[in-house]
Every structure is written in C-alpha cells, then in structure tokens.
Amino acid sequence: MSIPRKGSRTLTHAGHHYRWYVRRKPTYTQGAFKAPMTVAIERVADAPGTILLVDLIVSRPDNWLTPHQTALKPATIRAIIQAALEGDWDPETQGNAHPFEYSLITDEA
C-alpha cells in the first residue's frame, strides 16, 4: 500500500525523501462531527514500507460545524516525522499502517 502521487506533497528530512497526503474532502464524520484530521506519511524508497497514519487530534479546517484556519505546513510534517522516528515507527519495514497521534494547535479565526 502506498500514498497516491496525485495530490500528495514531498519533502526531505534527515536526507530521506517523504511523501505526505491529506484527503481533499472530509469524510462524513470529519465534516459533520469532531472526528480528527488525519495525514498519511511514507518514506519514498524503492521498496514499500510502513505508512505513518497521523491523528492530529483537531478537527479539519473545513469542518461543517466549527471551521477554523489551521494550516498543515511542511515544517509541521518534519516535526511529526521526527517525533515518530524517535518513537517506534520504522518506515522501512513492511506491514500495516502505523498509528500515531500528534497534537496540532488550531489558529483562532
């Protein structure tokens, strides 16, 4: 399993290339309720590895009930990758998606 190239963004962290992806539209539970925003991250390599599935503990900015102005920037993705690598994520091993929680601070509208 890998992240689609279309709509994903790439960045470099510690000499490795990563691809990250956030759904364009919210799922119904993300839009109508306070289901958290998620981002998928994978290391770009020859062999597929484990995808990091990050729960940002904040609703999406396009939430239908409580919209806000939070942006997910490459610097934040680098911080997430660093925290996950310091934890127990090994992006080179194959297997199921690795769940990870990272608290994202919302900007007040």
PDB file of N, CA and C in Angstrom:
ATOM      1  N   MET A   1       0.845  -1.177   0.000  1.00  0.00           N
ATOM      2  CA  MET A   1       0.000   0.000   0.000  1.00  0.00           C
ATOM      3  C   MET A   1       0.891   1.241   0.000  1.00  0.00           C
ATOM      4  N   SER A   2       0.521   2.208  -0.790  1.00  0.00           N
ATOM      5  CA  SER A   2       1.293   3.445  -0.818  1.00  0.00           C
ATOM      6  C   SER A   2       0.357   4.638  -0.990  1.00  0.00           C
ATOM      7  N   ILE A   3       0.918   5.803  -0.772  1.00  0.00           N
ATOM      8  CA  ILE A   3       0.163   7.041  -0.880  1.00  0.00           C
ATOM      9  C   ILE A   3       0.089   7.441  -2.355  1.00  0.00           C
ATOM     10  N   PRO A   4      -1.065   7.909  -2.822  1.00  0.00           N
ATOM     11  CA  PRO A   4      -1.158   8.317  -4.227  1.00  0.00           C
ATOM     12  C   PRO A   4      -0.250   9.505  -4.528  1.00  0.00           C
ATOM     13  N   ARG A   5       0.315   9.516  -5.706  1.00  0.00           N
ATOM     14  CA  ARG A   5       1.182  10.636  -6.095  1.00  0.00           C
ATOM     15  C   ARG A   5       0.364  11.897  -6.359  1.00  0.00           C
ATOM     16  N   LYS A   6      -0.798  11.712  -6.966  1.00  0.00           N
ATOM     17  CA  LYS A   6      -1.633  12.867  -7.273  1.00  0.00           C
ATOM     18  C   LYS A   6      -2.200  13.440  -5.980  1.00  0.00           C
ATOM     19  N   GLY A   7      -1.956  14.701  -5.739  1.00  0.00           N
ATOM     20  CA  GLY A   7      -2.459  15.362  -4.551  1.00  0.00           C
ATOM     21  C   GLY A   7      -1.538  15.287  -3.349  1.00  0.00           C
ATOM     22  N   SER A   8      -0.471  14.494  -3.448  1.00  0.00           N
ATOM     23  CA  SER A   8       0.443  14.397  -2.314  1.00  0.00           C
ATOM     24  C   SER A   8       1.573  15.404  -2.482  1.00  0.00           C
ATOM     25  N   ARG A   9       2.258  15.668  -1.386  1.00  0.00           N
ATOM     26  CA  ARG A   9       3.392  16.599  -1.395  1.00  0.00           C
ATOM     27  C   ARG A   9       4.625  15.850  -0.917  1.00  0.00           C
ATOM     28  N   THR A  10       5.788  16.315  -1.324  1.00  0.00           N
ATOM     29  CA  THR A  10       7.030  15.676  -0.907  1.00  0.00           C
ATOM     30  C   THR A  10       7.882  16.654  -0.109  1.00  0.00           C
ATOM     31  N   LEU A  11       8.750  16.092   0.718  1.00  0.00           N
ATOM     32  CA  LEU A  11       9.717  16.893   1.458  1.00  0.00           C
ATOM     33  C   LEU A  11      10.899  16.008   1.817  1.00  0.00           C
ATOM     34  N   THR A  12      11.995  16.643   2.226  1.00  0.00           N
ATOM     35  CA  THR A  12      13.187  15.926   2.641  1.00  0.00           C
ATOM     36  C   THR A  12      13.420  16.188   4.115  1.00  0.00           C
ATOM     37  N   HIS A  13      13.700  15.103   4.849  1.00  0.00           N
ATOM     38  CA  HIS A  13      14.010  15.207   6.280  1.00  0.00           C
ATOM     39  C   HIS A  13      15.158  14.245   6.577  1.00  0.00           C
ATOM     40  N   ALA A  14      16.236  14.776   7.125  1.00  0.00           N
ATOM     41  CA  ALA A  14      17.404  13.984   7.513  1.00  0.00           C
ATOM     42  C   ALA A  14      17.938  13.154   6.337  1.00  0.00           C
ATOM     43  N   GLY A  15      17.925  13.739   5.149  1.00  0.00           N
ATOM     44  CA  GLY A  15      18.479  13.065   3.975  1.00  0.00           C
ATOM     45  C   GLY A  15      17.571  12.048   3.316  1.00  0.00           C
ATOM     46  N   HIS A  16      16.359  11.875   3.802  1.00  0.00           N
ATOM     47  CA  HIS A  16      15.399  10.936   3.215  1.00  0.00           C
ATOM     48  C   HIS A  16      14.224  11.723   2.646  1.00  0.00           C
ATOM     49  N   HIS A  17      13.670  11.196   1.576  1.00  0.00           N
ATOM     50  CA  HIS A  17      12.520  11.824   0.930  1.00  0.00           C
ATOM     51  C   HIS A  17      11.240  11.173   1.451  1.00  0.00           C
ATOM     52  N   TYR A  18      10.252  12.008   1.744  1.00  0.00           N
ATOM     53  CA  TYR A  18       8.967  11.554   2.247  1.00  0.00           C
ATOM     54  C   TYR A  18       7.851  12.135   1.393  1.00  0.00           C
ATOM     55  N   ARG A  19       6.742  11.418   1.359  1.00  0.00           N
ATOM     56  CA  ARG A  19       5.533  11.887   0.681  1.00  0.00           C
ATOM     57  C   ARG A  19       4.429  11.940   1.736  1.00  0.00           C
ATOM     58  N   TRP A  20       3.640  13.020   1.732  1.00  0.00           N
ATOM     59  CA  TRP A  20       2.537  13.135   2.680  1.00  0.00           C
ATOM     60  C   TRP A  20       1.272  13.550   1.968  1.00  0.00           C
ATOM     61  N   TYR A  21       0.136  13.150   2.564  1.00  0.00           N
ATOM     62  CA  TYR A  21      -1.145  13.313   1.887  1.00  0.00           C
ATOM     63  C   TYR A  21      -2.267  13.541   2.906  1.00  0.00           C
ATOM     64  N   VAL A  22      -3.096  14.525   2.612  1.00  0.00           N
ATOM     65  CA  VAL A  22      -4.318  14.791   3.365  1.00  0.00           C
ATOM     66  C   VAL A  22      -5.469  14.725   2.363  1.00  0.00           C
ATOM     67  N   ARG A  23      -6.540  14.031   2.727  1.00  0.00           N
ATOM     68  CA  ARG A  23      -7.696  13.942   1.826  1.00  0.00           C
ATOM     69  C   ARG A  23      -8.170  15.326   1.406  1.00  0.00           C
ATOM     70  N   ARG A  24      -8.573  15.462   0.150  1.00  0.00           N
ATOM     71  CA  ARG A  24      -9.074  16.750  -0.345  1.00  0.00           C
ATOM     72  C   ARG A  24     -10.369  17.144   0.344  1.00  0.00           C
ATOM     73  N   LYS A  25     -11.262  16.201   0.503  1.00  0.00           N
ATOM     74  CA  LYS A  25     -12.561  16.465   1.129  1.00  0.00           C
ATOM     75  C   LYS A  25     -12.662  15.646   2.408  1.00  0.00           C
ATOM     76  N   PRO A  26     -13.360  16.172   3.396  1.00  0.00           N
ATOM     77  CA  PRO A  26     -13.505  15.405   4.640  1.00  0.00           C
ATOM     78  C   PRO A  26     -14.425  14.211   4.445  1.00  0.00           C
ATOM     79  N   THR A  27     -14.206  13.171   5.245  1.00  0.00           N
ATOM     80  CA  THR A  27     -15.186  12.106   5.299  1.00  0.00           C
ATOM     81  C   THR A  27     -16.425  12.686   5.976  1.00  0.00           C
ATOM     82  N   TYR A  28     -17.528  11.964   5.960  1.00  0.00           N
ATOM     83  CA  TYR A  28     -18.738  12.496   6.577  1.00  0.00           C
ATOM     84  C   TYR A  28     -18.511  12.775   8.063  1.00  0.00           C
ATOM     85  N   THR A  29     -17.871  11.858   8.771  1.00  0.00           N
ATOM     86  CA  THR A  29     -17.659  12.057  10.209  1.00  0.00           C
ATOM     87  C   THR A  29     -16.673  13.184  10.482  1.00  0.00           C
ATOM     88  N   GLN A  30     -15.716  13.409   9.588  1.00  0.00           N
ATOM     89  CA  GLN A  30     -14.789  14.529   9.761  1.00  0.00           C
ATOM     90  C   GLN A  30     -15.491  15.862   9.492  1.00  0.00           C
ATOM     91  N   GLY A  31     -16.451  15.873   8.601  1.00  0.00           N
ATOM     92  CA  GLY A  31     -17.149  17.106   8.265  1.00  0.00           C
ATOM     93  C   GLY A  31     -18.272  17.439   9.219  1.00  0.00           C
ATOM     94  N   ALA A  32     -19.037  16.435   9.621  1.00  0.00           N
ATOM     95  CA  ALA A  32     -20.231  16.681  10.421  1.00  0.00           C
ATOM     96  C   ALA A  32     -19.987  16.623  11.923  1.00  0.00           C
ATOM     97  N   PHE A  33     -18.929  15.973  12.336  1.00  0.00           N
ATOM     98  CA  PHE A  33     -18.669  15.820  13.762  1.00  0.00           C
ATOM     99  C   PHE A  33     -17.253  16.297  14.066  1.00  0.00           C
ATOM    100  N   LYS A  34     -16.736  15.933  15.191  1.00  0.00           N
ATOM    101  CA  LYS A  34     -15.381  16.344  15.571  1.00  0.00           C
ATOM    102  C   LYS A  34     -14.377  15.212  15.351  1.00  0.00           C
ATOM    103  N   ALA A  35     -14.585  14.401  14.336  1.00  0.00           N
ATOM    104  CA  ALA A  35     -13.608  13.359  14.022  1.00  0.00           C
ATOM    105  C   ALA A  35     -12.307  14.047  13.612  1.00  0.00           C
ATOM    106  N   PRO A  36     -11.167  13.534  14.038  1.00  0.00           N
ATOM    107  CA  PRO A  36      -9.906  14.239  13.816  1.00  0.00           C
ATOM    108  C   PRO A  36      -9.432  14.227  12.359  1.00  0.00           C
ATOM    109  N   MET A  37      -8.664  15.235  12.055  1.00  0.00           N
ATOM    110  CA  MET A  37      -7.991  15.329  10.766  1.00  0.00           C
ATOM    111  C   MET A  37      -6.834  14.330  10.774  1.00  0.00           C
ATOM    112  N   THR A  38      -6.604  13.667   9.666  1.00  0.00           N
ATOM    113  CA  THR A  38      -5.504  12.708   9.575  1.00  0.00           C
ATOM    114  C   THR A  38      -4.611  13.052   8.390  1.00  0.00           C
ATOM    115  N   VAL A  39      -3.354  12.650   8.507  1.00  0.00           N
ATOM    116  CA  VAL A  39      -2.388  12.802   7.429  1.00  0.00           C
ATOM    117  C   VAL A  39      -1.617  11.488   7.321  1.00  0.00           C
ATOM    118  N   ALA A  40      -1.363  11.065   6.093  1.00  0.00           N
ATOM    119  CA  ALA A  40      -0.591   9.848   5.850  1.00  0.00           C
ATOM    120  C   ALA A  40       0.795  10.260   5.357  1.00  0.00           C
ATOM    121  N   ILE A  41       1.825   9.608   5.898  1.00  0.00           N
ATOM    122  CA  ILE A  41       3.214   9.921   5.543  1.00  0.00           C
ATOM    123  C   ILE A  41       3.935   8.618   5.228  1.00  0.00           C
ATOM    124  N   GLU A  42       4.734   8.627   4.170  1.00  0.00           N
ATOM    125  CA  GLU A  42       5.565   7.462   3.857  1.00  0.00           C
ATOM    126  C   GLU A  42       6.922   7.917   3.365  1.00  0.00           C
ATOM    127  N   ARG A  43       7.918   7.072   3.586  1.00  0.00           N
ATOM    128  CA  ARG A  43       9.248   7.339   3.052  1.00  0.00           C
ATOM    129  C   ARG A  43       9.258   6.884   1.603  1.00  0.00           C
ATOM    130  N   VAL A  44       9.759   7.718   0.719  1.00  0.00           N
ATOM    131  CA  VAL A  44       9.842   7.383  -0.696  1.00  0.00           C
ATOM    132  C   VAL A  44      11.113   6.562  -0.885  1.00  0.00           C
ATOM    133  N   ALA A  45      10.935   5.311  -1.266  1.00  0.00           N
ATOM    134  CA  ALA A  45      12.065   4.405  -1.436  1.00  0.00           C
ATOM    135  C   ALA A  45      11.732   3.401  -2.540  1.00  0.00           C
ATOM    136  N   ASP A  46      12.707   2.546  -2.854  1.00  0.00           N
ATOM    137  CA  ASP A  46      12.488   1.535  -3.879  1.00  0.00           C
ATOM    138  C   ASP A  46      11.467   0.494  -3.429  1.00  0.00           C
ATOM    139  N   ALA A  47      11.563   0.079  -2.179  1.00  0.00           N
ATOM    140  CA  ALA A  47      10.640  -0.919  -1.642  1.00  0.00           C
ATOM    141  C   ALA A  47       9.612  -0.227  -0.753  1.00  0.00           C
ATOM    142  N   PRO A  48       8.350  -0.641  -0.836  1.00  0.00           N
ATOM    143  CA  PRO A  48       7.338  -0.019   0.015  1.00  0.00           C
ATOM    144  C   PRO A  48       7.558  -0.363   1.479  1.00  0.00           C
ATOM    145  N   GLY A  49       7.270   0.588   2.340  1.00  0.00           N
ATOM    146  CA  GLY A  49       7.424   0.380   3.777  1.00  0.00           C
ATOM    147  C   GLY A  49       6.129   0.685   4.496  1.00  0.00           C
ATOM    148  N   THR A  50       6.225   0.886   5.789  1.00  0.00           N
ATOM    149  CA  THR A  50       5.061   1.170   6.613  1.00  0.00           C
ATOM    150  C   THR A  50       4.656   2.635   6.491  1.00  0.00           C
ATOM    151  N   ILE A  51       3.383   2.867   6.312  1.00  0.00           N
ATOM    152  CA  ILE A  51       2.847   4.222   6.241  1.00  0.00           C
ATOM    153  C   ILE A  51       2.543   4.692   7.661  1.00  0.00           C
ATOM    154  N   LEU A  52       2.881   5.931   7.940  1.00  0.00           N
ATOM    155  CA  LEU A  52       2.565   6.546   9.220  1.00  0.00           C
ATOM    156  C   LEU A  52       1.214   7.232   9.072  1.00  0.00           C
ATOM    157  N   LEU A  53       0.222   6.819   9.851  1.00  0.00           N
ATOM    158  CA  LEU A  53      -1.108   7.404   9.806  1.00  0.00           C
ATOM    159  C   LEU A  53      -1.272   8.258  11.057  1.00  0.00           C
ATOM    160  N   VAL A  54      -1.260   9.578  10.866  1.00  0.00           N
ATOM    161  CA  VAL A  54      -1.200  10.520  11.974  1.00  0.00           C
ATOM    162  C   VAL A  54      -2.574  11.110  12.276  1.00  0.00           C
ATOM    163  N   ASP A  55      -2.990  10.966  13.527  1.00  0.00           N
ATOM    164  CA  ASP A  55      -4.203  11.585  14.051  1.00  0.00           C
ATOM    165  C   ASP A  55      -3.775  12.916  14.647  1.00  0.00           C
ATOM    166  N   LEU A  56      -4.247  14.024  14.082  1.00  0.00           N
ATOM    167  CA  LEU A  56      -3.792  15.345  14.511  1.00  0.00           C
ATOM    168  C   LEU A  56      -4.579  15.901  15.704  1.00  0.00           C
ATOM    169  N   ILE A  57      -5.513  15.159  16.227  1.00  0.00           N
ATOM    170  CA  ILE A  57      -6.279  15.497  17.428  1.00  0.00           C
ATOM    171  C   ILE A  57      -7.028  16.831  17.292  1.00  0.00           C
ATOM    172  N   VAL A  58      -7.257  17.279  16.105  1.00  0.00           N
ATOM    173  CA  VAL A  58      -8.001  18.511  15.858  1.00  0.00           C
ATOM    174  C   VAL A  58      -8.908  18.256  14.654  1.00  0.00           C
ATOM    175  N   SER A  59     -10.067  18.895  14.654  1.00  0.00           N
ATOM    176  CA  SER A  59     -10.968  18.725  13.516  1.00  0.00           C
ATOM    177  C   SER A  59     -10.362  19.384  12.283  1.00  0.00           C
ATOM    178  N   ARG A  60     -10.874  19.013  11.137  1.00  0.00           N
ATOM    179  CA  ARG A  60     -10.382  19.602   9.890  1.00  0.00           C
ATOM    180  C   ARG A  60     -10.777  21.070   9.808  1.00  0.00           C
ATOM    181  N   PRO A  61     -10.002  21.891   9.098  1.00  0.00           N
ATOM    182  CA  PRO A  61     -10.366  23.305   8.940  1.00  0.00           C
ATOM    183  C   PRO A  61     -11.697  23.494   8.219  1.00  0.00           C
ATOM    184  N   ASP A  62     -12.075  22.523   7.384  1.00  0.00           N
ATOM    185  CA  ASP A  62     -13.333  22.627   6.648  1.00  0.00           C
ATOM    186  C   ASP A  62     -14.472  21.864   7.331  1.00  0.00           C
ATOM    187  N   ASN A  63     -14.367  21.661   8.648  1.00  0.00           N
ATOM    188  CA  ASN A  63     -15.427  21.036   9.425  1.00  0.00           C
ATOM    189  C   ASN A  63     -16.680  21.888   9.294  1.00  0.00           C
ATOM    190  N   TRP A  64     -17.821  21.248   9.094  1.00  0.00           N
ATOM    191  CA  TRP A  64     -19.055  21.979   8.818  1.00  0.00           C
ATOM    192  C   TRP A  64     -19.601  22.720  10.032  1.00  0.00           C
ATOM    193  N   LEU A  65     -19.282  22.268  11.236  1.00  0.00           N
ATOM    194  CA  LEU A  65     -19.844  22.878  12.440  1.00  0.00           C
ATOM    195  C   LEU A  65     -18.925  23.918  13.073  1.00  0.00           C
ATOM    196  N   THR A  66     -17.649  23.628  13.132  1.00  0.00           N
ATOM    197  CA  THR A  66     -16.693  24.545  13.778  1.00  0.00           C
ATOM    198  C   THR A  66     -15.465  24.741  12.887  1.00  0.00           C
ATOM    199  N   PRO A  67     -15.607  25.464  11.782  1.00  0.00           N
ATOM    200  CA  PRO A  67     -14.452  25.679  10.911  1.00  0.00           C
ATOM    201  C   PRO A  67     -13.403  26.563  11.601  1.00  0.00           C
ATOM    202  N   HIS A  68     -12.161  26.360  11.222  1.00  0.00           N
ATOM    203  CA  HIS A  68     -11.073  27.181  11.765  1.00  0.00           C
ATOM    204  C   HIS A  68     -10.008  27.357  10.697  1.00  0.00           C
ATOM    205  N   GLN A  69      -8.949  28.077  10.991  1.00  0.00           N
ATOM    206  CA  GLN A  69      -7.943  28.457   9.994  1.00  0.00           C
ATOM    207  C   GLN A  69      -6.583  27.812  10.251  1.00  0.00           C
ATOM    208  N   THR A  70      -6.539  26.548  10.527  1.00  0.00           N
ATOM    209  CA  THR A  70      -5.283  25.871  10.799  1.00  0.00           C
ATOM    210  C   THR A  70      -4.672  25.350   9.507  1.00  0.00           C
ATOM    211  N   ALA A  71      -3.387  25.591   9.335  1.00  0.00           N
ATOM    212  CA  ALA A  71      -2.679  25.118   8.150  1.00  0.00           C
ATOM    213  C   ALA A  71      -1.701  24.017   8.550  1.00  0.00           C
ATOM    214  N   LEU A  72      -1.530  23.057   7.680  1.00  0.00           N
ATOM    215  CA  LEU A  72      -0.561  21.985   7.882  1.00  0.00           C
ATOM    216  C   LEU A  72       0.620  22.284   6.977  1.00  0.00           C
ATOM    217  N   LYS A  73       1.734  22.701   7.564  1.00  0.00           N
ATOM    218  CA  LYS A  73       2.898  23.162   6.805  1.00  0.00           C
ATOM    219  C   LYS A  73       3.990  22.100   6.775  1.00  0.00           C
ATOM    220  N   PRO A  74       4.908  22.167   5.802  1.00  0.00           N
ATOM    221  CA  PRO A  74       5.999  21.206   5.742  1.00  0.00           C
ATOM    222  C   PRO A  74       6.829  21.140   7.030  1.00  0.00           C
ATOM    223  N   ALA A  75       7.006  22.251   7.713  1.00  0.00           N
ATOM    224  CA  ALA A  75       7.761  22.236   8.978  1.00  0.00           C
ATOM    225  C   ALA A  75       7.045  21.378  10.020  1.00  0.00           C
ATOM    226  N   THR A  76       5.723  21.417  10.018  1.00  0.00           N
ATOM    227  CA  THR A  76       4.954  20.591  10.943  1.00  0.00           C
ATOM    228  C   THR A  76       5.100  19.118  10.582  1.00  0.00           C
ATOM    229  N   ILE A  77       5.083  18.812   9.294  1.00  0.00           N
ATOM    230  CA  ILE A  77       5.263  17.424   8.854  1.00  0.00           C
ATOM    231  C   ILE A  77       6.644  16.917   9.261  1.00  0.00           C
ATOM    232  N   ARG A  78       7.672  17.763   9.136  1.00  0.00           N
ATOM    233  CA  ARG A  78       9.013  17.364   9.581  1.00  0.00           C
ATOM    234  C   ARG A  78       9.034  17.070  11.079  1.00  0.00           C
ATOM    235  N   ALA A  79       8.350  17.893  11.863  1.00  0.00           N
ATOM    236  CA  ALA A  79       8.279  17.671  13.308  1.00  0.00           C
ATOM    237  C   ALA A  79       7.552  16.362  13.620  1.00  0.00           C
ATOM    238  N   ILE A  80       6.502  16.059  12.880  1.00  0.00           N
ATOM    239  CA  ILE A  80       5.773  14.807  13.066  1.00  0.00           C
ATOM    240  C   ILE A  80       6.672  13.620  12.739  1.00  0.00           C
ATOM    241  N   ILE A  81       7.384  13.703  11.623  1.00  0.00           N
ATOM    242  CA  ILE A  81       8.284  12.616  11.225  1.00  0.00           C
ATOM    243  C   ILE A  81       9.352  12.401  12.290  1.00  0.00           C
ATOM    244  N   GLN A  82       9.945  13.487  12.781  1.00  0.00           N
ATOM    245  CA  GLN A  82      10.990  13.375  13.801  1.00  0.00           C
ATOM    246  C   GLN A  82      10.441  12.720  15.070  1.00  0.00           C
ATOM    247  N   ALA A  83       9.257  13.148  15.500  1.00  0.00           N
ATOM    248  CA  ALA A  83       8.656  12.573  16.709  1.00  0.00           C
ATOM    249  C   ALA A  83       8.333  11.086  16.518  1.00  0.00           C
ATOM    250  N   ALA A  84       7.839  10.720  15.345  1.00  0.00           N
ATOM    251  CA  ALA A  84       7.509   9.319  15.077  1.00  0.00           C
ATOM    252  C   ALA A  84       8.766   8.453  14.999  1.00  0.00           C
ATOM    253  N   LEU A  85       9.836   8.986  14.400  1.00  0.00           N
ATOM    254  CA  LEU A  85      11.090   8.237  14.321  1.00  0.00           C
ATOM    255  C   LEU A  85      11.707   8.052  15.705  1.00  0.00           C
ATOM    256  N   GLU A  86      11.566   9.063  16.567  1.00  0.00           N
ATOM    257  CA  GLU A  86      12.059   8.942  17.939  1.00  0.00           C
ATOM    258  C   GLU A  86      11.200   7.964  18.734  1.00  0.00           C
ATOM    259  N   GLY A  87       9.968   7.792  18.305  1.00  0.00           N
ATOM    260  CA  GLY A  87       9.072   6.816  18.912  1.00  0.00           C
ATOM    261  C   GLY A  87       9.410   5.438  18.363  1.00  0.00           C
ATOM    262  N   ASP A  88       8.403   4.731  17.878  1.00  0.00           N
ATOM    263  CA  ASP A  88       8.649   3.365  17.410  1.00  0.00           C
ATOM    264  C   ASP A  88       8.286   3.129  15.949  1.00  0.00           C
ATOM    265  N   TRP A  89       8.251   4.178  15.121  1.00  0.00           N
ATOM    266  CA  TRP A  89       7.946   4.000  13.698  1.00  0.00           C
ATOM    267  C   TRP A  89       9.221   3.676  12.937  1.00  0.00           C
ATOM    268  N   ASP A  90       9.192   2.588  12.190  1.00  0.00           N
ATOM    269  CA  ASP A  90      10.289   2.217  11.307  1.00  0.00           C
ATOM    270  C   ASP A  90       9.746   2.245   9.883  1.00  0.00           C
ATOM    271  N   PRO A  91      10.048   3.295   9.118  1.00  0.00           N
ATOM    272  CA  PRO A  91       9.442   3.447   7.792  1.00  0.00           C
ATOM    273  C   PRO A  91       9.921   2.440   6.754  1.00  0.00           C
ATOM    274  N   GLU A  92      10.951   1.658   7.066  1.00  0.00           N
ATOM    275  CA  GLU A  92      11.485   0.715   6.083  1.00  0.00           C
ATOM    276  C   GLU A  92      10.878  -0.675   6.191  1.00  0.00           C
ATOM    277  N   THR A  93      10.259  -1.016   7.313  1.00  0.00           N
ATOM    278  CA  THR A  93       9.654  -2.328   7.440  1.00  0.00           C
ATOM    279  C   THR A  93       8.277  -2.333   6.785  1.00  0.00           C
ATOM    280  N   GLN A  94       7.893  -3.486   6.280  1.00  0.00           N
ATOM    281  CA  GLN A  94       6.577  -3.619   5.672  1.00  0.00           C
ATOM    282  C   GLN A  94       5.566  -4.032   6.722  1.00  0.00           C
ATOM    283  N   GLY A  95       4.341  -3.655   6.508  1.00  0.00           N
ATOM    284  CA  GLY A  95       3.282  -4.032   7.439  1.00  0.00           C
ATOM    285  C   GLY A  95       2.114  -3.078   7.354  1.00  0.00           C
ATOM    286  N   ASN A  96       1.233  -3.186   8.335  1.00  0.00           N
ATOM    287  CA  ASN A  96       0.056  -2.314   8.397  1.00  0.00           C
ATOM    288  C   ASN A  96       0.469  -0.889   8.698  1.00  0.00           C
ATOM    289  N   ALA A  97      -0.439   0.038   8.436  1.00  0.00           N
ATOM    290  CA  ALA A  97      -0.184   1.446   8.737  1.00  0.00           C
ATOM    291  C   ALA A  97       0.087   1.601  10.231  1.00  0.00           C
ATOM    292  N   HIS A  98       1.046   2.449  10.548  1.00  0.00           N
ATOM    293  CA  HIS A  98       1.434   2.680  11.940  1.00  0.00           C
ATOM    294  C   HIS A  98       0.658   3.881  12.479  1.00  0.00           C
ATOM    295  N   PRO A  99      -0.220   3.693  13.483  1.00  0.00           N
ATOM    296  CA  PRO A  99      -0.975   4.823  14.027  1.00  0.00           C
ATOM    297  C   PRO A  99      -0.086   5.694  14.913  1.00  0.00           C
ATOM    298  N   PHE A 100      -0.321   7.000  14.853  1.00  0.00           N
ATOM    299  CA  PHE A 100       0.479   7.949  15.634  1.00  0.00           C
ATOM    300  C   PHE A 100      -0.384   9.162  15.928  1.00  0.00           C
ATOM    301  N   GLU A 101      -0.279   9.707  17.134  1.00  0.00           N
ATOM    302  CA  GLU A 101      -1.028  10.918  17.493  1.00  0.00           C
ATOM    303  C   GLU A 101      -0.067  12.077  17.646  1.00  0.00           C
ATOM    304  N   TYR A 102      -0.463  13.225  17.086  1.00  0.00           N
ATOM    305  CA  TYR A 102       0.332  14.435  17.167  1.00  0.00           C
ATOM    306  C   TYR A 102      -0.626  15.602  17.352  1.00  0.00           C
ATOM    307  N   SER A 103      -0.482  16.336  18.416  1.00  0.00           N
ATOM    308  CA  SER A 103      -1.407  17.427  18.710  1.00  0.00           C
ATOM    309  C   SER A 103      -1.071  18.654  17.868  1.00  0.00           C
ATOM    310  N   LEU A 104      -1.988  19.048  17.029  1.00  0.00           N
ATOM    311  CA  LEU A 104      -1.830  20.223  16.179  1.00  0.00           C
ATOM    312  C   LEU A 104      -2.590  21.383  16.805  1.00  0.00           C
ATOM    313  N   ILE A 105      -1.968  22.533  16.897  1.00  0.00           N
ATOM    314  CA  ILE A 105      -2.598  23.703  17.511  1.00  0.00           C
ATOM    315  C   ILE A 105      -3.412  24.431  16.439  1.00  0.00           C
ATOM    316  N   THR A 106      -4.663  24.766  16.771  1.00  0.00           N
ATOM    317  CA  THR A 106      -5.506  25.473  15.816  1.00  0.00           C
ATOM    318  C   THR A 106      -5.290  26.981  15.928  1.00  0.00           C
ATOM    319  N   ASP A 107      -5.387  27.650  14.809  1.00  0.00           N
ATOM    320  CA  ASP A 107      -5.334  29.110  14.766  1.00  0.00           C
ATOM    321  C   ASP A 107      -6.748  29.626  14.972  1.00  0.00           C
ATOM    322  N   GLU A 108      -6.886  30.640  15.788  1.00  0.00           N
ATOM    323  CA  GLU A 108      -8.211  31.214  16.014  1.00  0.00           C
ATOM    324  C   GLU A 108      -8.637  32.046  14.815  1.00  0.00           C
ATOM    325  N   ALA A 109      -9.889  31.922  14.422  1.00  0.00           N
ATOM    326  CA  ALA A 109     -10.402  32.659  13.260  1.00  0.00           C
ATOM    327  C   ALA A 109     -10.695  34.093  13.608  1.00  0.00           C
TER     328      ALA A 109
END
